[in-house]
Amino acid sequence: MPLLFNPPQSYDIPVSLGGDLLVTFKNKVPGSDPVTYTDYPVGTSIKMLIGKGDSLIQINGVINGSDAVFRLESEVADTIRSGVSWRLIFSIVDDNAQLRDDIVIMNGRVVRVDGD
């Protein structure tokens, strides 16, 4: 059966033993050629969720213009198993600072790349 709408794109995120997870997601203008970036809208926040349930790790993105930066110290990143799911959630609030929408904009799995 066909999907009613397009799902988020999926990617593997590599983590290595002893290394911090540091990733920047840039806000690309859809369909731009050459690629251009635009500031994230005012009143939005972005969080990365890794895992689920009792082992959920939440990283709040630091937005600066068109960049949303996520950092997770190695002490925590080292505990994440290969194959654990992650998702990037874009939250939009209205003029009264009330949550309006949570949108999963991409997701995937964590891949351990420890040199074994």
C-alpha atoms as a PDB file:
ATOM      1  CA  MET A   1       0.000   0.000   0.000  1.00  0.00           C
ATOM      2  CA  PRO A   2       1.425   3.453  -0.867  1.00  0.00           C
ATOM      3  CA  LEU A   3       2.301   5.959   1.856  1.00  0.00           C
ATOM      4  CA  LEU A   4      -0.127   8.834   2.324  1.00  0.00           C
ATOM      5  CA  PHE A   5       2.749  11.327   2.623  1.00  0.00           C
ATOM      6  CA  ASN A   6       6.530  11.262   2.361  1.00  0.00           C
ATOM      7  CA  PRO A   7       8.270   9.925   5.473  1.00  0.00           C
ATOM      8  CA  PRO A   8      11.323  11.617   6.998  1.00  0.00           C
ATOM      9  CA  GLN A   9      14.661  10.784   5.417  1.00  0.00           C
ATOM     10  CA  SER A  10      16.693   8.188   7.323  1.00  0.00           C
ATOM     11  CA  TYR A  11      20.445   8.242   7.998  1.00  0.00           C
ATOM     12  CA  ASP A  12      22.967   6.294  10.061  1.00  0.00           C
ATOM     13  CA  ILE A  13      24.866   8.330  12.668  1.00  0.00           C
ATOM     14  CA  PRO A  14      28.346   6.947  13.389  1.00  0.00           C
ATOM     15  CA  VAL A  15      29.715   7.084  16.939  1.00  0.00           C
ATOM     16  CA  SER A  16      33.204   6.022  18.018  1.00  0.00           C
ATOM     17  CA  LEU A  17      34.435   4.926  21.422  1.00  0.00           C
ATOM     18  CA  GLY A  18      35.945   7.875  23.305  1.00  0.00           C
ATOM     19  CA  GLY A  19      34.614  10.487  20.890  1.00  0.00           C
ATOM     20  CA  ASP A  20      31.974  13.126  21.520  1.00  0.00           C
ATOM     21  CA  LEU A  21      29.003  13.119  19.177  1.00  0.00           C
ATOM     22  CA  LEU A  22      28.990  16.557  17.555  1.00  0.00           C
ATOM     23  CA  VAL A  23      26.709  17.204  14.596  1.00  0.00           C
ATOM     24  CA  THR A  24      25.346  20.313  12.888  1.00  0.00           C
ATOM     25  CA  PHE A  25      22.136  20.277  10.881  1.00  0.00           C
ATOM     26  CA  LYS A  26      21.910  23.178   8.424  1.00  0.00           C
ATOM     27  CA  ASN A  27      18.511  24.549   7.359  1.00  0.00           C
ATOM     28  CA  LYS A  28      18.634  24.081   3.592  1.00  0.00           C
ATOM     29  CA  VAL A  29      16.225  25.871   1.292  1.00  0.00           C
ATOM     30  CA  PRO A  30      14.311  22.990  -0.359  1.00  0.00           C
ATOM     31  CA  GLY A  31      15.121  22.604  -4.056  1.00  0.00           C
ATOM     32  CA  SER A  32      17.787  25.326  -4.070  1.00  0.00           C
ATOM     33  CA  ASP A  33      20.473  24.972  -6.744  1.00  0.00           C
ATOM     34  CA  PRO A  34      23.086  25.944  -5.883  1.00  0.00           C
ATOM     35  CA  VAL A  35      22.380  24.895  -2.304  1.00  0.00           C
ATOM     36  CA  THR A  36      21.482  27.810  -0.062  1.00  0.00           C
ATOM     37  CA  TYR A  37      20.696  27.930   3.630  1.00  0.00           C
ATOM     38  CA  THR A  38      18.245  30.025   5.612  1.00  0.00           C
ATOM     39  CA  ASP A  39      17.871  30.857   9.293  1.00  0.00           C
ATOM     40  CA  TYR A  40      15.677  28.590  11.351  1.00  0.00           C
ATOM     41  CA  PRO A  41      12.357  30.358  12.045  1.00  0.00           C
ATOM     42  CA  VAL A  42      11.958  32.332  15.247  1.00  0.00           C
ATOM     43  CA  GLY A  43       9.999  30.411  17.866  1.00  0.00           C
ATOM     44  CA  THR A  44      11.278  26.984  16.915  1.00  0.00           C
ATOM     45  CA  SER A  45      13.426  24.498  18.739  1.00  0.00           C
ATOM     46  CA  ILE A  46      15.086  21.300  17.615  1.00  0.00           C
ATOM     47  CA  LYS A  47      15.888  18.255  19.689  1.00  0.00           C
ATOM     48  CA  MET A  48      17.552  14.950  18.944  1.00  0.00           C
ATOM     49  CA  LEU A  49      16.159  11.904  20.686  1.00  0.00           C
ATOM     50  CA  ILE A  50      18.256   8.740  20.808  1.00  0.00           C
ATOM     51  CA  GLY A  51      16.596   5.496  21.925  1.00  0.00           C
ATOM     52  CA  LYS A  52      13.291   5.319  23.726  1.00  0.00           C
ATOM     53  CA  GLY A  53      11.722   4.510  27.070  1.00  0.00           C
ATOM     54  CA  ASP A  54      14.019   4.384  30.114  1.00  0.00           C
ATOM     55  CA  SER A  55      17.153   4.690  27.967  1.00  0.00           C
ATOM     56  CA  LEU A  56      16.023   7.814  26.068  1.00  0.00           C
ATOM     57  CA  ILE A  57      18.727  10.434  25.547  1.00  0.00           C
ATOM     58  CA  GLN A  58      17.573  13.948  24.634  1.00  0.00           C
ATOM     59  CA  ILE A  59      19.947  16.532  23.189  1.00  0.00           C
ATOM     60  CA  ASN A  60      18.627  20.055  22.694  1.00  0.00           C
ATOM     61  CA  GLY A  61      20.009  21.788  19.637  1.00  0.00           C
ATOM     62  CA  VAL A  62      21.637  25.185  19.890  1.00  0.00           C
ATOM     63  CA  ILE A  63      20.287  27.243  17.006  1.00  0.00           C
ATOM     64  CA  ASN A  64      22.466  29.938  15.486  1.00  0.00           C
ATOM     65  CA  GLY A  65      21.093  31.267  12.211  1.00  0.00           C
ATOM     66  CA  SER A  66      20.891  28.368   9.775  1.00  0.00           C
ATOM     67  CA  ASP A  67      22.791  25.957  12.057  1.00  0.00           C
ATOM     68  CA  ALA A  68      21.396  23.666  14.743  1.00  0.00           C
ATOM     69  CA  VAL A  69      24.297  22.180  16.713  1.00  0.00           C
ATOM     70  CA  PHE A  70      24.042  19.045  18.859  1.00  0.00           C
ATOM     71  CA  ARG A  71      26.717  17.813  21.260  1.00  0.00           C
ATOM     72  CA  LEU A  72      26.800  14.662  23.377  1.00  0.00           C
ATOM     73  CA  GLU A  73      29.822  13.943  25.574  1.00  0.00           C
ATOM     74  CA  SER A  74      31.690  10.697  24.948  1.00  0.00           C
ATOM     75  CA  GLU A  75      30.840   9.340  28.408  1.00  0.00           C
ATOM     76  CA  VAL A  76      27.212   9.141  27.287  1.00  0.00           C
ATOM     77  CA  ALA A  77      27.830   8.437  23.574  1.00  0.00           C
ATOM     78  CA  ASP A  78      29.987   5.440  24.535  1.00  0.00           C
ATOM     79  CA  THR A  79      26.937   3.788  26.148  1.00  0.00           C
ATOM     80  CA  ILE A  80      24.770   3.832  23.007  1.00  0.00           C
ATOM     81  CA  ARG A  81      24.431   0.445  21.310  1.00  0.00           C
ATOM     82  CA  SER A  82      24.656   0.029  17.570  1.00  0.00           C
ATOM     83  CA  GLY A  83      21.208  -0.133  15.970  1.00  0.00           C
ATOM     84  CA  VAL A  84      19.483   2.196  18.448  1.00  0.00           C
ATOM     85  CA  SER A  85      17.051   4.549  16.719  1.00  0.00           C
ATOM     86  CA  TRP A  86      17.394   8.327  16.710  1.00  0.00           C
ATOM     87  CA  ARG A  87      15.127  11.111  15.473  1.00  0.00           C
ATOM     88  CA  LEU A  88      15.388  14.841  14.964  1.00  0.00           C
ATOM     89  CA  ILE A  89      12.275  16.715  16.065  1.00  0.00           C
ATOM     90  CA  PHE A  90      11.494  20.246  14.959  1.00  0.00           C
ATOM     91  CA  SER A  91       9.097  21.967  17.398  1.00  0.00           C
ATOM     92  CA  ILE A  92       7.076  24.979  16.338  1.00  0.00           C
ATOM     93  CA  VAL A  93       5.383  27.261  18.853  1.00  0.00           C
ATOM     94  CA  ASP A  94       2.753  29.912  18.230  1.00  0.00           C
ATOM     95  CA  ASP A  95       2.852  33.607  19.187  1.00  0.00           C
ATOM     96  CA  ASN A  96       1.703  32.720  22.724  1.00  0.00           C
ATOM     97  CA  ALA A  97       4.604  30.284  23.227  1.00  0.00           C
ATOM     98  CA  GLN A  98       2.226  27.319  23.027  1.00  0.00           C
ATOM     99  CA  LEU A  99       3.457  24.170  21.282  1.00  0.00           C
ATOM    100  CA  ARG A 100       1.770  23.900  17.932  1.00  0.00           C
ATOM    101  CA  ASP A 101       3.562  21.055  16.138  1.00  0.00           C
ATOM    102  CA  ASP A 102       6.296  18.460  16.660  1.00  0.00           C
ATOM    103  CA  ILE A 103       7.627  17.277  13.308  1.00  0.00           C
ATOM    104  CA  VAL A 104      10.116  14.443  12.854  1.00  0.00           C
ATOM    105  CA  ILE A 105      12.311  15.845  10.076  1.00  0.00           C
ATOM    106  CA  MET A 106      14.770  12.939   9.892  1.00  0.00           C
ATOM    107  CA  ASN A 107      15.588   9.742  11.698  1.00  0.00           C
ATOM    108  CA  GLY A 108      17.709   6.621  11.513  1.00  0.00           C
ATOM    109  CA  ARG A 109      19.984   4.356  13.508  1.00  0.00           C
ATOM    110  CA  VAL A 110      23.194   4.768  15.479  1.00  0.00           C
ATOM    111  CA  VAL A 111      26.139   2.801  14.101  1.00  0.00           C
ATOM    112  CA  ARG A 112      29.131   1.978  16.325  1.00  0.00           C
ATOM    113  CA  VAL A 113      32.438   2.527  14.535  1.00  0.00           C
ATOM    114  CA  ASP A 114      34.906   1.626  17.285  1.00  0.00           C
ATOM    115  CA  GLY A 115      37.635   0.091  15.120  1.00  0.00           C
ATOM    116  CA  ASP A 116      36.883  -3.520  16.115  1.00  0.00           C
END
